[in-house]
Amino acid sequence: MSRWEGMNADDLPAPPAIAIRPAQPADLDFVTGLAPRFAESRPPWRTYEEIAHGTAAELRRAFAGLEPGAALFVAEDAAGERVGFAYVVTHIDFFTRERHGHLSELAVTRDGAGVGRALMREVERHVRELGLRFLTLNVHERNARGHAFYANLGFEPNTRQYAKTLRAPGPPKN
């Protein structure tokens, strides 16, 4: 049995004065403005623009209309300043065909201030409320801080994705 089995974000102390709420249309610029954070630890074969623009586009699609089971949360500090967001969707497990929660994106403006932990508490609450058994997420290989953060919340490595560039960027050649 893993030392993390059964542990969740609710087992950790709540961060001081962080409120989590559903995202509103007025949050679009704030949320998409954090998209470049995902490019900071990008793999060497991806460009900064590819990650930042692709993430922003996906987040704009979420604001246009959430899929069933998905949720987009915004964190605010005691002064009402937005300090982070989390976007959770549902996926189908390859092995069991079971629907599960998947954290698509999480970004904060203040590292180490408890904002990510507060968002994860809400994400886990949402996934449990849907009656789903587990939650997955992806972290770039170079994001050591993210690896440690999620491990401290009880997440364990599941699979490792490999990629190989086979042609230059641009439209496929037919």
N, C-alpha and C. Protein backbone atom coordinates (compact mmCIF):
# COMPACT_ATOMS: atom_id res chain seq x y z
N MET A 1 0.84 -1.18 0.00
CA MET A 1 0.00 0.00 0.00
C MET A 1 0.89 1.25 0.00
N SER A 2 0.54 2.23 -0.83
CA SER A 2 1.28 3.48 -0.91
C SER A 2 1.09 4.30 0.36
N ARG A 3 2.12 5.06 0.72
CA ARG A 3 1.97 5.92 1.89
C ARG A 3 0.96 7.03 1.64
N TRP A 4 0.61 7.26 0.37
CA TRP A 4 -0.32 8.33 0.02
C TRP A 4 -1.74 7.82 -0.20
N GLU A 5 -1.92 6.52 -0.23
CA GLU A 5 -3.23 5.96 -0.54
C GLU A 5 -4.27 6.49 0.45
N GLY A 6 -5.34 7.00 -0.09
CA GLY A 6 -6.42 7.53 0.73
C GLY A 6 -6.22 8.97 1.14
N MET A 7 -5.03 9.53 0.90
CA MET A 7 -4.78 10.93 1.25
C MET A 7 -5.36 11.83 0.17
N ASN A 8 -5.88 12.98 0.56
CA ASN A 8 -6.33 13.94 -0.43
C ASN A 8 -6.05 15.35 0.08
N ALA A 9 -6.34 16.33 -0.74
CA ALA A 9 -6.04 17.72 -0.39
C ALA A 9 -6.75 18.15 0.88
N ASP A 10 -7.87 17.54 1.21
CA ASP A 10 -8.59 17.90 2.43
C ASP A 10 -7.82 17.51 3.68
N ASP A 11 -6.84 16.61 3.56
CA ASP A 11 -6.05 16.19 4.71
C ASP A 11 -5.01 17.23 5.12
N LEU A 12 -4.78 18.22 4.26
CA LEU A 12 -3.81 19.26 4.57
C LEU A 12 -4.52 20.48 5.13
N PRO A 13 -3.85 21.28 5.94
CA PRO A 13 -4.50 22.46 6.51
C PRO A 13 -4.93 23.43 5.41
N ALA A 14 -6.06 24.07 5.62
CA ALA A 14 -6.56 25.03 4.64
C ALA A 14 -5.67 26.27 4.63
N PRO A 15 -5.37 26.79 3.45
CA PRO A 15 -4.58 28.01 3.39
C PRO A 15 -5.40 29.18 3.91
N PRO A 16 -4.74 30.17 4.47
CA PRO A 16 -5.47 31.30 5.03
C PRO A 16 -6.10 32.17 3.95
N ALA A 17 -7.35 32.49 4.14
CA ALA A 17 -8.06 33.50 3.37
C ALA A 17 -8.00 33.34 1.86
N ILE A 18 -8.10 32.13 1.37
CA ILE A 18 -8.20 31.90 -0.07
C ILE A 18 -9.62 31.40 -0.33
N ALA A 19 -10.35 32.12 -1.17
CA ALA A 19 -11.71 31.72 -1.54
C ALA A 19 -11.69 31.16 -2.95
N ILE A 20 -12.43 30.09 -3.16
CA ILE A 20 -12.53 29.47 -4.47
C ILE A 20 -13.96 29.62 -4.95
N ARG A 21 -14.11 30.03 -6.20
CA ARG A 21 -15.44 30.21 -6.78
C ARG A 21 -15.42 29.76 -8.23
N PRO A 22 -16.61 29.48 -8.80
CA PRO A 22 -16.65 29.17 -10.22
C PRO A 22 -16.20 30.38 -11.04
N ALA A 23 -15.53 30.13 -12.13
CA ALA A 23 -15.09 31.21 -13.01
C ALA A 23 -16.31 31.89 -13.63
N GLN A 24 -16.17 33.18 -13.86
CA GLN A 24 -17.19 34.00 -14.51
C GLN A 24 -16.61 34.55 -15.82
N PRO A 25 -17.45 34.99 -16.75
CA PRO A 25 -16.92 35.54 -18.01
C PRO A 25 -15.87 36.64 -17.81
N ALA A 26 -16.01 37.44 -16.76
CA ALA A 26 -15.05 38.51 -16.50
C ALA A 26 -13.66 37.99 -16.13
N ASP A 27 -13.53 36.70 -15.84
CA ASP A 27 -12.24 36.09 -15.48
C ASP A 27 -11.42 35.65 -16.69
N LEU A 28 -12.00 35.74 -17.88
CA LEU A 28 -11.33 35.20 -19.07
C LEU A 28 -9.92 35.75 -19.25
N ASP A 29 -9.75 37.07 -19.20
CA ASP A 29 -8.42 37.65 -19.42
C ASP A 29 -7.43 37.24 -18.33
N PHE A 30 -7.89 37.17 -17.09
CA PHE A 30 -7.01 36.72 -16.01
C PHE A 30 -6.55 35.29 -16.25
N VAL A 31 -7.48 34.40 -16.52
CA VAL A 31 -7.16 32.98 -16.70
C VAL A 31 -6.25 32.78 -17.91
N THR A 32 -6.61 33.34 -19.05
CA THR A 32 -5.76 33.15 -20.23
C THR A 32 -4.43 33.87 -20.09
N GLY A 33 -4.38 34.91 -19.25
CA GLY A 33 -3.13 35.62 -18.99
C GLY A 33 -2.11 34.77 -18.25
N LEU A 34 -2.57 33.71 -17.58
CA LEU A 34 -1.64 32.81 -16.89
C LEU A 34 -1.15 31.67 -17.80
N ALA A 35 -1.67 31.57 -19.01
CA ALA A 35 -1.27 30.49 -19.92
C ALA A 35 0.24 30.42 -20.15
N PRO A 36 0.96 31.53 -20.24
CA PRO A 36 2.41 31.43 -20.43
C PRO A 36 3.14 30.68 -19.31
N ARG A 37 2.56 30.59 -18.14
CA ARG A 37 3.21 29.84 -17.04
C ARG A 37 3.43 28.37 -17.44
N PHE A 38 2.55 27.83 -18.27
CA PHE A 38 2.68 26.43 -18.68
C PHE A 38 3.86 26.21 -19.62
N ALA A 39 4.33 27.28 -20.27
CA ALA A 39 5.46 27.16 -21.19
C ALA A 39 6.80 27.25 -20.47
N GLU A 40 6.80 27.63 -19.20
CA GLU A 40 8.05 27.80 -18.47
C GLU A 40 8.82 26.50 -18.32
N SER A 41 8.14 25.38 -18.24
CA SER A 41 8.82 24.09 -18.06
C SER A 41 8.58 23.18 -19.27
N ARG A 42 8.41 23.77 -20.41
CA ARG A 42 8.06 23.01 -21.63
C ARG A 42 9.17 22.03 -22.02
N PRO A 43 8.76 20.98 -22.72
CA PRO A 43 9.77 20.06 -23.26
C PRO A 43 10.57 20.76 -24.37
N PRO A 44 11.78 20.32 -24.63
CA PRO A 44 12.64 21.01 -25.60
C PRO A 44 12.09 21.02 -27.02
N TRP A 45 11.24 20.09 -27.36
CA TRP A 45 10.75 20.03 -28.73
C TRP A 45 9.49 20.87 -28.94
N ARG A 46 8.99 21.52 -27.89
CA ARG A 46 7.84 22.42 -28.01
C ARG A 46 8.31 23.86 -27.87
N THR A 47 7.70 24.75 -28.64
CA THR A 47 8.06 26.16 -28.52
C THR A 47 7.23 26.81 -27.42
N TYR A 48 7.77 27.91 -26.90
CA TYR A 48 7.06 28.70 -25.89
C TYR A 48 5.69 29.11 -26.43
N GLU A 49 5.67 29.62 -27.66
CA GLU A 49 4.43 30.10 -28.27
C GLU A 49 3.41 28.96 -28.41
N GLU A 50 3.88 27.81 -28.82
CA GLU A 50 3.00 26.65 -29.00
C GLU A 50 2.26 26.32 -27.70
N ILE A 51 3.00 26.27 -26.60
CA ILE A 51 2.40 25.94 -25.30
C ILE A 51 1.50 27.08 -24.83
N ALA A 52 2.01 28.30 -24.82
CA ALA A 52 1.25 29.44 -24.30
C ALA A 52 -0.02 29.68 -25.12
N HIS A 53 0.10 29.69 -26.43
CA HIS A 53 -1.07 29.95 -27.28
C HIS A 53 -2.05 28.78 -27.28
N GLY A 54 -1.53 27.57 -27.29
CA GLY A 54 -2.41 26.40 -27.26
C GLY A 54 -3.19 26.31 -25.95
N THR A 55 -2.51 26.61 -24.84
CA THR A 55 -3.19 26.58 -23.54
C THR A 55 -4.24 27.67 -23.47
N ALA A 56 -3.91 28.88 -23.92
CA ALA A 56 -4.88 29.98 -23.91
C ALA A 56 -6.09 29.64 -24.77
N ALA A 57 -5.87 29.02 -25.93
CA ALA A 57 -6.99 28.65 -26.81
C ALA A 57 -7.90 27.62 -26.13
N GLU A 58 -7.29 26.63 -25.47
CA GLU A 58 -8.10 25.63 -24.77
C GLU A 58 -8.92 26.28 -23.65
N LEU A 59 -8.33 27.21 -22.94
CA LEU A 59 -9.04 27.88 -21.86
C LEU A 59 -10.17 28.77 -22.41
N ARG A 60 -9.95 29.41 -23.54
CA ARG A 60 -11.04 30.19 -24.17
C ARG A 60 -12.20 29.27 -24.56
N ARG A 61 -11.87 28.06 -25.05
CA ARG A 61 -12.94 27.09 -25.38
C ARG A 61 -13.72 26.72 -24.12
N ALA A 62 -13.03 26.57 -23.00
CA ALA A 62 -13.71 26.25 -21.74
C ALA A 62 -14.67 27.37 -21.35
N PHE A 63 -14.23 28.61 -21.51
CA PHE A 63 -15.10 29.73 -21.17
C PHE A 63 -16.31 29.80 -22.11
N ALA A 64 -16.14 29.34 -23.35
CA ALA A 64 -17.25 29.36 -24.31
C ALA A 64 -18.32 28.34 -23.95
N GLY A 65 -17.96 27.29 -23.25
CA GLY A 65 -18.94 26.28 -22.84
C GLY A 65 -18.25 25.05 -22.29
N LEU A 66 -18.50 24.77 -21.02
CA LEU A 66 -17.88 23.62 -20.37
C LEU A 66 -18.56 22.33 -20.81
N GLU A 67 -17.77 21.30 -20.99
CA GLU A 67 -18.28 19.96 -21.26
C GLU A 67 -18.96 19.44 -19.99
N PRO A 68 -19.85 18.45 -20.10
CA PRO A 68 -20.46 17.87 -18.89
C PRO A 68 -19.40 17.35 -17.92
N GLY A 69 -19.52 17.70 -16.67
CA GLY A 69 -18.59 17.27 -15.64
C GLY A 69 -17.40 18.18 -15.45
N ALA A 70 -17.16 19.07 -16.39
CA ALA A 70 -16.01 19.98 -16.30
C ALA A 70 -16.34 21.15 -15.38
N ALA A 71 -15.29 21.75 -14.84
CA ALA A 71 -15.45 22.94 -14.01
C ALA A 71 -14.20 23.80 -14.12
N LEU A 72 -14.40 25.09 -14.01
CA LEU A 72 -13.31 26.06 -14.03
C LEU A 72 -13.46 26.91 -12.78
N PHE A 73 -12.44 26.86 -11.92
CA PHE A 73 -12.48 27.56 -10.64
C PHE A 73 -11.44 28.67 -10.61
N VAL A 74 -11.76 29.74 -9.89
CA VAL A 74 -10.84 30.86 -9.69
C VAL A 74 -10.63 31.03 -8.20
N ALA A 75 -9.38 31.28 -7.83
CA ALA A 75 -9.02 31.54 -6.43
C ALA A 75 -8.85 33.04 -6.24
N GLU A 76 -9.35 33.52 -5.09
CA GLU A 76 -9.19 34.93 -4.72
C GLU A 76 -8.62 35.02 -3.32
N ASP A 77 -7.80 36.05 -3.09
CA ASP A 77 -7.29 36.27 -1.74
C ASP A 77 -8.30 37.08 -0.93
N ALA A 78 -7.95 37.43 0.30
CA ALA A 78 -8.87 38.13 1.20
C ALA A 78 -9.28 39.49 0.65
N ALA A 79 -8.44 40.10 -0.19
CA ALA A 79 -8.75 41.40 -0.78
C ALA A 79 -9.58 41.28 -2.06
N GLY A 80 -9.90 40.05 -2.46
CA GLY A 80 -10.67 39.83 -3.68
C GLY A 80 -9.83 39.80 -4.94
N GLU A 81 -8.50 39.78 -4.79
CA GLU A 81 -7.62 39.71 -5.95
C GLU A 81 -7.55 38.27 -6.44
N ARG A 82 -7.69 38.08 -7.74
CA ARG A 82 -7.58 36.75 -8.32
C ARG A 82 -6.13 36.29 -8.26
N VAL A 83 -5.92 35.07 -7.76
CA VAL A 83 -4.55 34.58 -7.54
C VAL A 83 -4.30 33.20 -8.14
N GLY A 84 -5.26 32.65 -8.87
CA GLY A 84 -5.04 31.36 -9.51
C GLY A 84 -6.32 30.80 -10.08
N PHE A 85 -6.17 29.71 -10.83
CA PHE A 85 -7.33 29.01 -11.39
C PHE A 85 -7.02 27.54 -11.56
N ALA A 86 -8.08 26.76 -11.66
CA ALA A 86 -7.97 25.33 -11.97
C ALA A 86 -9.07 24.96 -12.94
N TYR A 87 -8.73 24.14 -13.91
CA TYR A 87 -9.68 23.66 -14.91
C TYR A 87 -9.66 22.14 -14.86
N VAL A 88 -10.80 21.54 -14.52
CA VAL A 88 -10.91 20.10 -14.40
C VAL A 88 -11.95 19.59 -15.41
N VAL A 89 -11.64 18.48 -16.04
CA VAL A 89 -12.52 17.86 -17.03
C VAL A 89 -12.70 16.39 -16.64
N THR A 90 -13.44 15.65 -17.43
CA THR A 90 -13.51 14.21 -17.22
C THR A 90 -12.92 13.51 -18.43
N HIS A 91 -12.29 12.39 -18.18
CA HIS A 91 -11.72 11.53 -19.21
C HIS A 91 -12.23 10.11 -18.98
N ILE A 92 -11.98 9.26 -19.96
CA ILE A 92 -12.32 7.84 -19.86
C ILE A 92 -11.01 7.06 -19.69
N ASP A 93 -10.93 6.24 -18.66
CA ASP A 93 -9.74 5.44 -18.41
C ASP A 93 -9.54 4.42 -19.53
N PHE A 94 -8.33 4.34 -20.03
CA PHE A 94 -7.99 3.41 -21.11
C PHE A 94 -8.26 1.96 -20.73
N PHE A 95 -7.94 1.59 -19.50
CA PHE A 95 -8.00 0.19 -19.09
C PHE A 95 -9.40 -0.26 -18.68
N THR A 96 -10.08 0.58 -17.93
CA THR A 96 -11.38 0.16 -17.38
C THR A 96 -12.57 0.79 -18.08
N ARG A 97 -12.31 1.79 -18.91
CA ARG A 97 -13.36 2.59 -19.58
C ARG A 97 -14.19 3.37 -18.56
N GLU A 98 -13.68 3.50 -17.37
CA GLU A 98 -14.34 4.24 -16.29
C GLU A 98 -14.08 5.75 -16.46
N ARG A 99 -15.11 6.53 -16.28
CA ARG A 99 -14.96 7.99 -16.32
C ARG A 99 -14.24 8.43 -15.04
N HIS A 100 -13.32 9.38 -15.18
CA HIS A 100 -12.59 9.90 -14.03
C HIS A 100 -12.32 11.40 -14.23
N GLY A 101 -11.98 12.07 -13.14
CA GLY A 101 -11.62 13.47 -13.23
C GLY A 101 -10.20 13.61 -13.76
N HIS A 102 -9.96 14.70 -14.48
CA HIS A 102 -8.62 14.99 -14.98
C HIS A 102 -8.37 16.49 -14.83
N LEU A 103 -7.35 16.84 -14.05
CA LEU A 103 -6.98 18.24 -13.91
C LEU A 103 -6.26 18.65 -15.19
N SER A 104 -6.92 19.48 -15.96
CA SER A 104 -6.35 19.92 -17.23
C SER A 104 -5.30 21.00 -17.00
N GLU A 105 -5.64 22.00 -16.19
CA GLU A 105 -4.73 23.13 -15.96
C GLU A 105 -4.89 23.63 -14.53
N LEU A 106 -3.79 24.05 -13.95
CA LEU A 106 -3.79 24.74 -12.66
C LEU A 106 -2.62 25.72 -12.69
N ALA A 107 -2.91 26.99 -12.42
CA ALA A 107 -1.84 28.00 -12.37
C ALA A 107 -2.16 29.00 -11.27
N VAL A 108 -1.11 29.49 -10.64
CA VAL A 108 -1.25 30.46 -9.56
C VAL A 108 -0.31 31.63 -9.80
N THR A 109 -0.64 32.76 -9.19
CA THR A 109 0.22 33.94 -9.30
C THR A 109 1.21 34.03 -8.16
N ARG A 110 0.98 33.25 -7.09
CA ARG A 110 1.84 33.29 -5.90
C ARG A 110 2.25 31.87 -5.53
N ASP A 111 3.42 31.47 -5.92
CA ASP A 111 3.92 30.14 -5.57
C ASP A 111 4.14 30.05 -4.06
N GLY A 112 3.78 28.93 -3.47
CA GLY A 112 4.04 28.68 -2.06
C GLY A 112 3.11 29.37 -1.09
N ALA A 113 2.04 30.00 -1.58
CA ALA A 113 1.12 30.74 -0.71
C ALA A 113 -0.13 29.94 -0.36
N GLY A 114 -0.20 28.68 -0.78
CA GLY A 114 -1.37 27.85 -0.47
C GLY A 114 -2.49 27.95 -1.48
N VAL A 115 -2.30 28.72 -2.53
CA VAL A 115 -3.35 28.89 -3.53
C VAL A 115 -3.58 27.60 -4.30
N GLY A 116 -2.53 26.95 -4.74
CA GLY A 116 -2.67 25.69 -5.47
C GLY A 116 -3.34 24.63 -4.63
N ARG A 117 -2.96 24.57 -3.37
CA ARG A 117 -3.56 23.59 -2.45
C ARG A 117 -5.06 23.86 -2.29
N ALA A 118 -5.44 25.14 -2.15
CA ALA A 118 -6.85 25.49 -2.02
C ALA A 118 -7.62 25.11 -3.29
N LEU A 119 -7.02 25.35 -4.43
CA LEU A 119 -7.68 24.97 -5.69
C LEU A 119 -7.83 23.46 -5.79
N MET A 120 -6.79 22.72 -5.37
CA MET A 120 -6.87 21.26 -5.43
C MET A 120 -7.94 20.72 -4.49
N ARG A 121 -8.12 21.34 -3.35
CA ARG A 121 -9.20 20.93 -2.44
C ARG A 121 -10.54 21.02 -3.16
N GLU A 122 -10.74 22.11 -3.90
CA GLU A 122 -12.01 22.31 -4.62
C GLU A 122 -12.13 21.34 -5.79
N VAL A 123 -11.05 21.12 -6.51
CA VAL A 123 -11.07 20.16 -7.63
C VAL A 123 -11.43 18.77 -7.11
N GLU A 124 -10.78 18.34 -6.03
CA GLU A 124 -11.08 17.01 -5.48
C GLU A 124 -12.52 16.93 -4.98
N ARG A 125 -13.00 18.00 -4.36
CA ARG A 125 -14.40 18.02 -3.91
C ARG A 125 -15.34 17.87 -5.11
N HIS A 126 -15.05 18.59 -6.19
CA HIS A 126 -15.88 18.52 -7.40
C HIS A 126 -15.89 17.11 -7.98
N VAL A 127 -14.72 16.50 -8.09
CA VAL A 127 -14.63 15.15 -8.67
C VAL A 127 -15.36 14.13 -7.78
N ARG A 128 -15.20 14.24 -6.46
CA ARG A 128 -15.93 13.34 -5.55
C ARG A 128 -17.45 13.56 -5.68
N GLU A 129 -17.86 14.82 -5.81
CA GLU A 129 -19.28 15.13 -5.96
C GLU A 129 -19.87 14.50 -7.22
N LEU A 130 -19.05 14.36 -8.25
CA LEU A 130 -19.49 13.69 -9.48
C LEU A 130 -19.57 12.17 -9.30
N GLY A 131 -19.06 11.68 -8.17
CA GLY A 131 -19.07 10.24 -7.89
C GLY A 131 -17.95 9.49 -8.58
N LEU A 132 -16.91 10.20 -9.00
CA LEU A 132 -15.81 9.57 -9.72
C LEU A 132 -14.77 9.03 -8.74
N ARG A 133 -14.12 7.95 -9.13
CA ARG A 133 -13.21 7.23 -8.24
C ARG A 133 -11.82 7.85 -8.16
N PHE A 134 -11.33 8.44 -9.26
CA PHE A 134 -9.97 8.97 -9.20
C PHE A 134 -9.80 10.20 -10.07
N LEU A 135 -8.68 10.86 -9.82
CA LEU A 135 -8.32 12.11 -10.49
C LEU A 135 -6.92 11.95 -11.07
N THR A 136 -6.75 12.32 -12.32
CA THR A 136 -5.44 12.27 -12.97
C THR A 136 -5.01 13.68 -13.35
N LEU A 137 -3.74 13.80 -13.70
CA LEU A 137 -3.21 15.08 -14.19
C LEU A 137 -1.90 14.79 -14.90
N ASN A 138 -1.45 15.76 -15.66
CA ASN A 138 -0.16 15.67 -16.34
C ASN A 138 0.72 16.82 -15.87
N VAL A 139 2.01 16.55 -15.74
CA VAL A 139 2.98 17.57 -15.37
C VAL A 139 4.16 17.43 -16.33
N HIS A 140 4.61 18.55 -16.89
CA HIS A 140 5.79 18.49 -17.76
C HIS A 140 6.95 17.85 -17.01
N GLU A 141 7.73 17.08 -17.71
CA GLU A 141 8.87 16.37 -17.12
C GLU A 141 9.82 17.33 -16.40
N ARG A 142 10.00 18.52 -16.93
CA ARG A 142 10.94 19.49 -16.36
C ARG A 142 10.37 20.31 -15.20
N ASN A 143 9.13 20.08 -14.85
CA ASN A 143 8.48 20.86 -13.79
C ASN A 143 8.66 20.18 -12.44
N ALA A 144 9.85 20.27 -11.88
CA ALA A 144 10.15 19.61 -10.60
C ALA A 144 9.27 20.14 -9.47
N ARG A 145 8.99 21.42 -9.48
CA ARG A 145 8.13 22.00 -8.43
C ARG A 145 6.72 21.39 -8.51
N GLY A 146 6.21 21.23 -9.72
CA GLY A 146 4.90 20.60 -9.89
C GLY A 146 4.90 19.16 -9.44
N HIS A 147 5.96 18.42 -9.76
CA HIS A 147 6.06 17.02 -9.32
C HIS A 147 5.98 16.94 -7.80
N ALA A 148 6.74 17.79 -7.12
CA ALA A 148 6.76 17.77 -5.65
C ALA A 148 5.40 18.19 -5.09
N PHE A 149 4.79 19.20 -5.67
CA PHE A 149 3.49 19.68 -5.20
C PHE A 149 2.46 18.55 -5.25
N TYR A 150 2.34 17.89 -6.39
CA TYR A 150 1.32 16.85 -6.52
C TYR A 150 1.67 15.62 -5.69
N ALA A 151 2.94 15.27 -5.56
CA ALA A 151 3.32 14.16 -4.69
C ALA A 151 2.92 14.44 -3.25
N ASN A 152 3.08 15.68 -2.81
CA ASN A 152 2.68 16.05 -1.45
C ASN A 152 1.17 15.97 -1.24
N LEU A 153 0.41 15.99 -2.32
CA LEU A 153 -1.05 15.86 -2.23
C LEU A 153 -1.49 14.40 -2.39
N GLY A 154 -0.53 13.48 -2.53
CA GLY A 154 -0.87 12.07 -2.60
C GLY A 154 -0.90 11.49 -4.00
N PHE A 155 -0.57 12.27 -5.02
CA PHE A 155 -0.53 11.75 -6.39
C PHE A 155 0.74 10.94 -6.59
N GLU A 156 0.64 9.90 -7.39
CA GLU A 156 1.78 9.06 -7.71
C GLU A 156 1.94 8.99 -9.22
N PRO A 157 3.17 8.81 -9.70
CA PRO A 157 3.35 8.66 -11.15
C PRO A 157 2.52 7.48 -11.66
N ASN A 158 1.98 7.65 -12.84
CA ASN A 158 1.10 6.65 -13.42
C ASN A 158 1.71 6.10 -14.71
N THR A 159 1.95 6.96 -15.65
CA THR A 159 2.60 6.58 -16.91
C THR A 159 3.59 7.67 -17.26
N ARG A 160 4.47 7.41 -18.17
CA ARG A 160 5.39 8.41 -18.68
C ARG A 160 5.18 8.47 -20.17
N GLN A 161 4.86 9.65 -20.67
CA GLN A 161 4.63 9.83 -22.09
C GLN A 161 5.94 10.21 -22.77
N TYR A 162 6.22 9.60 -23.90
CA TYR A 162 7.40 9.93 -24.69
C TYR A 162 6.95 10.56 -25.99
N ALA A 163 7.77 11.44 -26.54
CA ALA A 163 7.47 12.08 -27.81
C ALA A 163 8.75 12.15 -28.64
N LYS A 164 8.56 12.09 -29.94
CA LYS A 164 9.69 12.17 -30.87
C LYS A 164 9.25 13.05 -32.03
N THR A 165 10.01 14.08 -32.34
CA THR A 165 9.71 14.95 -33.47
C THR A 165 10.04 14.22 -34.76
N LEU A 166 9.08 14.17 -35.67
CA LEU A 166 9.28 13.46 -36.93
C LEU A 166 9.34 14.40 -38.14
N ARG A 167 8.91 15.65 -37.96
CA ARG A 167 8.99 16.62 -39.05
C ARG A 167 8.95 18.02 -38.47
N ALA A 168 9.27 19.00 -39.28
CA ALA A 168 9.25 20.40 -38.84
C ALA A 168 7.80 20.83 -38.60
N PRO A 169 7.61 21.87 -37.76
CA PRO A 169 6.24 22.37 -37.54
C PRO A 169 5.62 22.88 -38.84
N GLY A 170 4.32 22.90 -38.88
CA GLY A 170 3.58 23.37 -40.05
C GLY A 170 2.56 22.34 -40.46
N PRO A 171 1.80 22.68 -41.48
CA PRO A 171 0.76 21.73 -41.92
C PRO A 171 1.38 20.44 -42.46
N PRO A 172 0.67 19.34 -42.27
CA PRO A 172 1.19 18.06 -42.78
C PRO A 172 1.32 18.07 -44.30
N LYS A 173 2.30 17.36 -44.79
CA LYS A 173 2.50 17.23 -46.23
C LYS A 173 1.73 16.02 -46.70
N ASN A 174 0.84 16.23 -47.63
CA ASN A 174 0.03 15.11 -48.18
C ASN A 174 0.53 14.69 -49.51
